[in-house]
Each structure stands twice: as structure tokens, then as C-alpha cells.
Amino acid sequence: MIELKNVTKRYNIPGGSVEAVKELSLHIKEGELVVLKGRSGSGKSTVLSLIAALAKPTEGEVIVDGEHISKLSDDFASAFRLHNIGFIFQRYNLFVQLSVFENIITPLIPLKLSKEEVEARVEEVSRKLSIEHKLKQEVRLLSGGEQQRTAIARALVNHPKIILADEPTANLDAKLSTEFIEHLKALKDKKRTIIVATHDPLFFDLDLVDRIIELDGGRLCS
């Protein structure tokens, strides 16, 4: 499903460059729930960005569902994300002045779906995440848990094959973190491929996690 082949990601900085990922190779099967473990700066977020085609490797290849996404142009990379990826960002990346409904439909705008189809999809995800009663409310007025559920709904509304979550519990209390894990379980039951980048120990002993991949300095820990 997802394969990184000898991938290095190098960023230019004043006076030189830094390697966020170094000669990394890994394979993730369809339907797996994998945790990327590591402290801040270990390369977890960069790996998610590479899989989502938000970044291109400096060296090596990224292959998702048989497609060499590291070679895609920006337009085709956007189309790939639109149809395959649901990304749950650490700080949600919501448009706080817009309503919950307007935030959720963002990934659907390029699809040019009918109004009826858009409303049906929003109704489906908002009902499952118990925010259907908040659709008209501005995001800035929501609680942290409601914002999180809005972010998850937005990530799921395009029916993606792959869910990527970057430090999803970093800003949540214990109760909301437990709720998030229940959402992950429901997604896994639907055979979605899920990758969670985190240093939260809450994830390290969960039965629903298939594998934990530890990174340090952009490399796999042996």
C-alpha cells in the first residue's frame, strides 16, 4: 500500500542544509494502523508529508498504491491527495471564522459534486462524529473536542483510503484523547490505512495498533 525506498529529505537552511529523513525504507500494508514513534525532530511529520505528497524526497522513492507519487507534478499531487488522503493536523488547521459546515466541505470543492451529494456526505460524517448540531456554528466558538471532531470530519468527507494524523492528541486532555482513539478504531474497522505520528505513550500499548515504527534523527531505530 505504502512504500518508502531509501528516502532522504533535505531542507536548505541559512548556511547549509538539514536532513529531516535519512535513507529511510519502510512498507505499510493496506488496512494497517501504524504508529510512528519518536521525539520532536525525529522526522515523523516529514514522513507524513512525504506520504501525502505535501513534500518531495530529495532522494529515493515514495510509492502509494502502486503510484510513484514522488514524481508527480504539483497539480497531480493535489489530485492524488484529494482522492486518497485524509490529513488530521496537530493544530487542526481549521478556518476559525467559517462555520463547521464550510470547513468540512473544503476537500469537496474541487470535486464539483452536486449540492445534494455534498450535503449527504457532510451529514454522514458529522452524524458519526456527533457534531451535526454544530454545522452552522463558527469554528472559533467550538470547544477543543468539537474542533477536533470537525478536523476529523473534514479528513474523512472525501472518503480517503489513507488517514494521516500528526500528533493528534498533543492539545487534548485524557478524555478527548480516549475519544480520538475510539474514532481510530472505527476507521480501522472500515479497513482504512492509518498512520499516527506521535510521542504520546497512550498509543504504545493499544491492541488496535498493528506496528510501532520508531524514528530517531530521521532514521529507523534498530
C-alpha atoms as a PDB file:
ATOM      1  CA  MET A   1       0.000   0.000   0.000  1.00  0.00           C
ATOM      2  CA  ILE A   2       2.691   2.499   1.095  1.00  0.00           C
ATOM      3  CA  GLU A   3       6.390   2.115   0.466  1.00  0.00           C
ATOM      4  CA  LEU A   4       9.346   4.402   1.055  1.00  0.00           C
ATOM      5  CA  LYS A   5      12.509   3.301  -0.725  1.00  0.00           C
ATOM      6  CA  ASN A   6      15.775   4.688   0.603  1.00  0.00           C
ATOM      7  CA  VAL A   7      14.220   8.123   1.095  1.00  0.00           C
ATOM      8  CA  THR A   8      16.171  11.176   2.178  1.00  0.00           C
ATOM      9  CA  LYS A   9      14.556  14.570   2.680  1.00  0.00           C
ATOM     10  CA  ARG A  10      16.933  17.505   2.894  1.00  0.00           C
ATOM     11  CA  TYR A  11      15.880  21.072   3.683  1.00  0.00           C
ATOM     12  CA  ASN A  12      18.011  24.075   2.875  1.00  0.00           C
ATOM     13  CA  ILE A  13      18.664  26.430   5.765  1.00  0.00           C
ATOM     14  CA  PRO A  14      20.834  29.539   6.060  1.00  0.00           C
ATOM     15  CA  GLY A  15      24.435  28.398   5.900  1.00  0.00           C
ATOM     16  CA  GLY A  16      23.738  24.838   4.804  1.00  0.00           C
ATOM     17  CA  SER A  17      21.098  22.112   4.948  1.00  0.00           C
ATOM     18  CA  VAL A  18      19.491  19.672   7.356  1.00  0.00           C
ATOM     19  CA  GLU A  19      18.375  16.096   6.688  1.00  0.00           C
ATOM     20  CA  ALA A  20      14.967  15.540   8.281  1.00  0.00           C
ATOM     21  CA  VAL A  21      14.791  11.963   6.930  1.00  0.00           C
ATOM     22  CA  LYS A  22      17.858   9.887   6.115  1.00  0.00           C
ATOM     23  CA  GLU A  23      17.921   6.833   3.827  1.00  0.00           C
ATOM     24  CA  LEU A  24      14.592   5.631   5.187  1.00  0.00           C
ATOM     25  CA  SER A  25      12.912   2.492   3.860  1.00  0.00           C
ATOM     26  CA  LEU A  26       9.610   1.145   5.167  1.00  0.00           C
ATOM     27  CA  HIS A  27       6.482  -0.648   3.984  1.00  0.00           C
ATOM     28  CA  ILE A  28       2.947  -0.269   5.341  1.00  0.00           C
ATOM     29  CA  LYS A  29       0.219  -2.706   4.355  1.00  0.00           C
ATOM     30  CA  GLU A  30      -3.324  -1.808   3.396  1.00  0.00           C
ATOM     31  CA  GLY A  31      -5.596  -1.698   6.430  1.00  0.00           C
ATOM     32  CA  GLU A  32      -2.771  -1.400   8.948  1.00  0.00           C
ATOM     33  CA  LEU A  33      -2.746   1.059  11.819  1.00  0.00           C
ATOM     34  CA  VAL A  34       0.866   2.099  12.296  1.00  0.00           C
ATOM     35  CA  VAL A  35       2.296   4.447  14.899  1.00  0.00           C
ATOM     36  CA  LEU A  36       5.375   6.498  14.063  1.00  0.00           C
ATOM     37  CA  LYS A  37       7.098   6.978  17.396  1.00  0.00           C
ATOM     38  CA  GLY A  38       9.822   9.477  18.183  1.00  0.00           C
ATOM     39  CA  ARG A  39      10.661  12.676  19.969  1.00  0.00           C
ATOM     40  CA  SER A  40      10.211  16.090  18.395  1.00  0.00           C
ATOM     41  CA  GLY A  41      12.522  16.467  15.397  1.00  0.00           C
ATOM     42  CA  SER A  42      12.822  12.736  14.758  1.00  0.00           C
ATOM     43  CA  GLY A  43      11.297  13.006  11.270  1.00  0.00           C
ATOM     44  CA  LYS A  44       7.746  11.811  11.963  1.00  0.00           C
ATOM     45  CA  SER A  45       5.959  14.809  10.464  1.00  0.00           C
ATOM     46  CA  THR A  46       8.250  14.794   7.443  1.00  0.00           C
ATOM     47  CA  VAL A  47       7.370  11.165   6.739  1.00  0.00           C
ATOM     48  CA  LEU A  48       3.659  12.031   6.821  1.00  0.00           C
ATOM     49  CA  SER A  49       4.257  14.958   4.453  1.00  0.00           C
ATOM     50  CA  LEU A  50       6.118  12.686   2.027  1.00  0.00           C
ATOM     51  CA  ILE A  51       3.323  10.083   2.060  1.00  0.00           C
ATOM     52  CA  ALA A  52       0.742  12.835   1.494  1.00  0.00           C
ATOM     53  CA  ALA A  53       2.789  14.290  -1.398  1.00  0.00           C
ATOM     54  CA  LEU A  54       2.979  17.567   0.507  1.00  0.00           C
ATOM     55  CA  ALA A  55       6.761  17.266   0.212  1.00  0.00           C
ATOM     56  CA  LYS A  56       9.017  15.552  -2.296  1.00  0.00           C
ATOM     57  CA  PRO A  57      12.022  13.440  -1.300  1.00  0.00           C
ATOM     58  CA  THR A  58      15.467  14.757  -2.106  1.00  0.00           C
ATOM     59  CA  GLU A  59      16.489  11.184  -2.852  1.00  0.00           C
ATOM     60  CA  GLY A  60      14.617   7.893  -3.075  1.00  0.00           C
ATOM     61  CA  GLU A  61      11.038   6.990  -3.957  1.00  0.00           C
ATOM     62  CA  VAL A  62       7.627   7.141  -2.308  1.00  0.00           C
ATOM     63  CA  ILE A  63       5.073   4.694  -3.721  1.00  0.00           C
ATOM     64  CA  VAL A  64       1.428   4.655  -2.661  1.00  0.00           C
ATOM     65  CA  ASP A  65      -0.975   2.061  -4.039  1.00  0.00           C
ATOM     66  CA  GLY A  66       1.406   1.382  -6.918  1.00  0.00           C
ATOM     67  CA  GLU A  67       1.826   5.050  -7.865  1.00  0.00           C
ATOM     68  CA  HIS A  68       5.197   6.789  -7.672  1.00  0.00           C
ATOM     69  CA  ILE A  69       3.898   9.934  -6.001  1.00  0.00           C
ATOM     70  CA  SER A  70       7.333  11.455  -5.515  1.00  0.00           C
ATOM     71  CA  LYS A  71       7.454  12.044  -9.268  1.00  0.00           C
ATOM     72  CA  LEU A  72       4.066  13.742  -9.564  1.00  0.00           C
ATOM     73  CA  SER A  73       3.742  17.371 -10.618  1.00  0.00           C
ATOM     74  CA  ASP A  74       2.123  19.733  -8.111  1.00  0.00           C
ATOM     75  CA  ASP A  75      -1.246  19.513  -9.893  1.00  0.00           C
ATOM     76  CA  PHE A  76      -1.240  15.724  -9.959  1.00  0.00           C
ATOM     77  CA  ALA A  77      -0.016  15.603  -6.356  1.00  0.00           C
ATOM     78  CA  SER A  78      -3.024  17.715  -5.351  1.00  0.00           C
ATOM     79  CA  ALA A  79      -5.336  15.356  -7.214  1.00  0.00           C
ATOM     80  CA  PHE A  80      -3.688  12.381  -5.513  1.00  0.00           C
ATOM     81  CA  ARG A  81      -4.291  13.890  -2.058  1.00  0.00           C
ATOM     82  CA  LEU A  82      -7.841  14.806  -2.941  1.00  0.00           C
ATOM     83  CA  HIS A  83      -8.798  11.228  -3.766  1.00  0.00           C
ATOM     84  CA  ASN A  84      -6.584   9.257  -1.383  1.00  0.00           C
ATOM     85  CA  ILE A  85      -5.511  11.178   1.717  1.00  0.00           C
ATOM     86  CA  GLY A  86      -7.264  12.419   4.838  1.00  0.00           C
ATOM     87  CA  PHE A  87      -4.874  14.512   6.936  1.00  0.00           C
ATOM     88  CA  ILE A  88      -5.581  15.358  10.582  1.00  0.00           C
ATOM     89  CA  PHE A  89      -3.212  18.166  11.535  1.00  0.00           C
ATOM     90  CA  GLN A  90      -1.826  18.689  15.016  1.00  0.00           C
ATOM     91  CA  ARG A  91      -3.412  22.124  15.379  1.00  0.00           C
ATOM     92  CA  TYR A  92      -6.400  21.205  13.198  1.00  0.00           C
ATOM     93  CA  ASN A  93      -5.707  23.950  10.564  1.00  0.00           C
ATOM     94  CA  LEU A  94      -9.357  24.965  10.553  1.00  0.00           C
ATOM     95  CA  PHE A  95     -10.720  28.247   9.188  1.00  0.00           C
ATOM     96  CA  VAL A  96     -11.890  29.649  12.500  1.00  0.00           C
ATOM     97  CA  GLN A  97     -14.101  32.396  11.044  1.00  0.00           C
ATOM     98  CA  LEU A  98     -16.024  29.897   8.909  1.00  0.00           C
ATOM     99  CA  SER A  99     -18.735  27.519  10.028  1.00  0.00           C
ATOM    100  CA  VAL A 100     -18.264  23.843  10.771  1.00  0.00           C
ATOM    101  CA  PHE A 101     -20.105  23.007   7.539  1.00  0.00           C
ATOM    102  CA  GLU A 102     -17.862  25.306   5.484  1.00  0.00           C
ATOM    103  CA  ASN A 103     -14.738  23.756   6.977  1.00  0.00           C
ATOM    104  CA  ILE A 104     -15.865  20.190   6.379  1.00  0.00           C
ATOM    105  CA  ILE A 105     -16.696  20.748   2.704  1.00  0.00           C
ATOM    106  CA  THR A 106     -13.262  22.219   1.867  1.00  0.00           C
ATOM    107  CA  PRO A 107     -11.877  18.979   0.337  1.00  0.00           C
ATOM    108  CA  LEU A 108     -15.042  18.542  -1.734  1.00  0.00           C
ATOM    109  CA  ILE A 109     -14.905  21.894  -3.546  1.00  0.00           C
ATOM    110  CA  PRO A 110     -12.574  20.715  -6.364  1.00  0.00           C
ATOM    111  CA  LEU A 111     -14.743  17.628  -6.960  1.00  0.00           C
ATOM    112  CA  LYS A 112     -17.639  19.724  -8.267  1.00  0.00           C
ATOM    113  CA  LEU A 113     -20.211  17.435  -6.695  1.00  0.00           C
ATOM    114  CA  SER A 114     -23.894  18.247  -6.674  1.00  0.00           C
ATOM    115  CA  LYS A 115     -25.259  20.189  -3.726  1.00  0.00           C
ATOM    116  CA  GLU A 116     -27.211  17.091  -2.702  1.00  0.00           C
ATOM    117  CA  GLU A 117     -24.094  14.891  -2.701  1.00  0.00           C
ATOM    118  CA  VAL A 118     -22.099  17.432  -0.689  1.00  0.00           C
ATOM    119  CA  GLU A 119     -24.854  17.739   1.910  1.00  0.00           C
ATOM    120  CA  ALA A 120     -25.214  13.964   2.105  1.00  0.00           C
ATOM    121  CA  ARG A 121     -21.503  13.493   2.750  1.00  0.00           C
ATOM    122  CA  VAL A 122     -21.397  16.209   5.394  1.00  0.00           C
ATOM    123  CA  GLU A 123     -24.456  14.776   7.091  1.00  0.00           C
ATOM    124  CA  GLU A 124     -22.854  11.322   7.148  1.00  0.00           C
ATOM    125  CA  VAL A 125     -19.541  12.341   8.741  1.00  0.00           C
ATOM    126  CA  SER A 126     -20.988  14.945  11.088  1.00  0.00           C
ATOM    127  CA  ARG A 127     -23.541  12.459  12.410  1.00  0.00           C
ATOM    128  CA  LYS A 128     -20.877   9.806  13.037  1.00  0.00           C
ATOM    129  CA  LEU A 129     -18.748  12.357  14.909  1.00  0.00           C
ATOM    130  CA  SER A 130     -21.690  13.867  16.821  1.00  0.00           C
ATOM    131  CA  ILE A 131     -21.281  17.411  15.517  1.00  0.00           C
ATOM    132  CA  GLU A 132     -24.330  17.574  13.242  1.00  0.00           C
ATOM    133  CA  HIS A 133     -25.926  20.085  15.626  1.00  0.00           C
ATOM    134  CA  LYS A 134     -22.906  22.416  15.227  1.00  0.00           C
ATOM    135  CA  LEU A 135     -22.781  22.676  11.434  1.00  0.00           C
ATOM    136  CA  LYS A 136     -23.893  26.312  11.305  1.00  0.00           C
ATOM    137  CA  GLN A 137     -21.680  27.464  14.154  1.00  0.00           C
ATOM    138  CA  GLU A 138     -18.380  29.274  13.610  1.00  0.00           C
ATOM    139  CA  VAL A 139     -15.376  27.134  14.467  1.00  0.00           C
ATOM    140  CA  ARG A 140     -13.919  29.810  16.761  1.00  0.00           C
ATOM    141  CA  LEU A 141     -16.859  29.234  19.122  1.00  0.00           C
ATOM    142  CA  LEU A 142     -16.300  25.493  19.447  1.00  0.00           C
ATOM    143  CA  SER A 143     -14.672  23.605  22.288  1.00  0.00           C
ATOM    144  CA  GLY A 144     -11.365  21.804  21.697  1.00  0.00           C
ATOM    145  CA  GLY A 145     -13.111  18.475  21.310  1.00  0.00           C
ATOM    146  CA  GLU A 146     -15.599  19.893  18.827  1.00  0.00           C
ATOM    147  CA  GLN A 147     -12.792  21.415  16.789  1.00  0.00           C
ATOM    148  CA  GLN A 148     -11.038  18.066  16.749  1.00  0.00           C
ATOM    149  CA  ARG A 149     -14.169  16.290  15.552  1.00  0.00           C
ATOM    150  CA  THR A 150     -14.566  18.938  12.843  1.00  0.00           C
ATOM    151  CA  ALA A 151     -10.993  18.311  11.714  1.00  0.00           C
ATOM    152  CA  ILE A 152     -11.613  14.561  11.609  1.00  0.00           C
ATOM    153  CA  ALA A 153     -14.843  15.077   9.655  1.00  0.00           C
ATOM    154  CA  ARG A 154     -13.003  17.214   7.111  1.00  0.00           C
ATOM    155  CA  ALA A 155     -10.343  14.499   6.769  1.00  0.00           C
ATOM    156  CA  LEU A 156     -12.970  11.822   6.132  1.00  0.00           C
ATOM    157  CA  VAL A 157     -15.502  13.608   3.922  1.00  0.00           C
ATOM    158  CA  ASN A 158     -13.655  12.749   0.688  1.00  0.00           C
ATOM    159  CA  HIS A 159     -13.717   9.009   1.609  1.00  0.00           C
ATOM    160  CA  PRO A 160      -9.909   8.634   1.666  1.00  0.00           C
ATOM    161  CA  LYS A 161      -8.078   5.312   1.634  1.00  0.00           C
ATOM    162  CA  ILE A 162      -5.355   6.633   3.934  1.00  0.00           C
ATOM    163  CA  ILE A 163      -5.680   8.605   7.187  1.00  0.00           C
ATOM    164  CA  LEU A 164      -2.612  10.508   8.406  1.00  0.00           C
ATOM    165  CA  ALA A 165      -2.649  12.037  11.899  1.00  0.00           C
ATOM    166  CA  ASP A 166       0.150  14.279  13.134  1.00  0.00           C
ATOM    167  CA  GLU A 167       0.430  14.443  16.943  1.00  0.00           C
ATOM    168  CA  PRO A 168      -3.380  14.245  17.150  1.00  0.00           C
ATOM    169  CA  THR A 169      -3.564  14.217  20.961  1.00  0.00           C
ATOM    170  CA  ALA A 170      -0.928  16.893  21.626  1.00  0.00           C
ATOM    171  CA  ASN A 171      -3.555  19.505  22.541  1.00  0.00           C
ATOM    172  CA  LEU A 172      -6.149  17.196  24.109  1.00  0.00           C
ATOM    173  CA  ASP A 173      -6.893  16.125  27.649  1.00  0.00           C
ATOM    174  CA  ALA A 174      -7.191  12.461  28.634  1.00  0.00           C
ATOM    175  CA  LYS A 175     -10.929  12.241  27.913  1.00  0.00           C
ATOM    176  CA  LEU A 176     -10.653  13.725  24.420  1.00  0.00           C
ATOM    177  CA  SER A 177      -7.599  11.575  23.673  1.00  0.00           C
ATOM    178  CA  THR A 178      -9.604   8.471  24.532  1.00  0.00           C
ATOM    179  CA  GLU A 179     -12.430   9.662  22.269  1.00  0.00           C
ATOM    180  CA  PHE A 180      -9.949  10.132  19.426  1.00  0.00           C
ATOM    181  CA  ILE A 181      -8.715   6.563  19.826  1.00  0.00           C
ATOM    182  CA  GLU A 182     -12.311   5.354  19.553  1.00  0.00           C
ATOM    183  CA  HIS A 183     -12.593   7.245  16.248  1.00  0.00           C
ATOM    184  CA  LEU A 184      -9.424   5.498  15.040  1.00  0.00           C
ATOM    185  CA  LYS A 185     -10.855   2.109  15.987  1.00  0.00           C
ATOM    186  CA  ALA A 186     -13.987   2.796  13.945  1.00  0.00           C
ATOM    187  CA  LEU A 187     -11.859   3.791  10.953  1.00  0.00           C
ATOM    188  CA  LYS A 188      -9.709   0.688  11.234  1.00  0.00           C
ATOM    189  CA  ASP A 189     -12.838  -1.459  11.330  1.00  0.00           C
ATOM    190  CA  LYS A 190     -13.584   0.012   7.888  1.00  0.00           C
ATOM    191  CA  LYS A 191     -10.174  -1.203   6.632  1.00  0.00           C
ATOM    192  CA  ARG A 192      -8.690   2.280   6.295  1.00  0.00           C
ATOM    193  CA  THR A 193      -4.908   2.505   6.362  1.00  0.00           C
ATOM    194  CA  ILE A 194      -3.942   4.755   9.284  1.00  0.00           C
ATOM    195  CA  ILE A 195      -0.610   6.289  10.263  1.00  0.00           C
ATOM    196  CA  VAL A 196      -0.325   8.214  13.516  1.00  0.00           C
ATOM    197  CA  ALA A 197       2.809  10.244  14.242  1.00  0.00           C
ATOM    198  CA  THR A 198       3.102  10.730  17.992  1.00  0.00           C
ATOM    199  CA  HIS A 199       5.283  10.640  21.068  1.00  0.00           C
ATOM    200  CA  ASP A 200       2.197  10.176  23.277  1.00  0.00           C
ATOM    201  CA  PRO A 201       2.678   6.934  25.303  1.00  0.00           C
ATOM    202  CA  LEU A 202      -1.100   6.448  25.226  1.00  0.00           C
ATOM    203  CA  PHE A 203      -0.685   4.861  21.776  1.00  0.00           C
ATOM    204  CA  PHE A 204       2.122   2.464  22.572  1.00  0.00           C
ATOM    205  CA  ASP A 205       0.102  -0.311  24.238  1.00  0.00           C
ATOM    206  CA  LEU A 206      -3.123  -0.202  22.231  1.00  0.00           C
ATOM    207  CA  ASP A 207      -4.434  -3.506  20.875  1.00  0.00           C
ATOM    208  CA  LEU A 208      -5.632  -1.825  17.676  1.00  0.00           C
ATOM    209  CA  VAL A 209      -2.091  -0.722  16.741  1.00  0.00           C
ATOM    210  CA  ASP A 210      -0.506  -3.224  14.356  1.00  0.00           C
ATOM    211  CA  ARG A 211       3.034  -1.859  14.473  1.00  0.00           C
ATOM    212  CA  ILE A 212       5.131   0.817  16.105  1.00  0.00           C
ATOM    213  CA  ILE A 213       7.917   2.266  13.970  1.00  0.00           C
ATOM    214  CA  GLU A 214      10.410   4.305  15.943  1.00  0.00           C
ATOM    215  CA  LEU A 215      12.403   7.102  14.349  1.00  0.00           C
ATOM    216  CA  ASP A 216      15.439   8.933  15.664  1.00  0.00           C
ATOM    217  CA  GLY A 217      17.266  11.601  13.716  1.00  0.00           C
ATOM    218  CA  GLY A 218      15.324  10.737  10.578  1.00  0.00           C
ATOM    219  CA  ARG A 219      16.330   7.076  10.641  1.00  0.00           C
ATOM    220  CA  LEU A 220      14.662   3.850  11.756  1.00  0.00           C
ATOM    221  CA  CYS A 221      15.715   2.733  15.206  1.00  0.00           C
ATOM    222  CA  SER A 222      17.148  -0.771  15.130  1.00  0.00           C
END
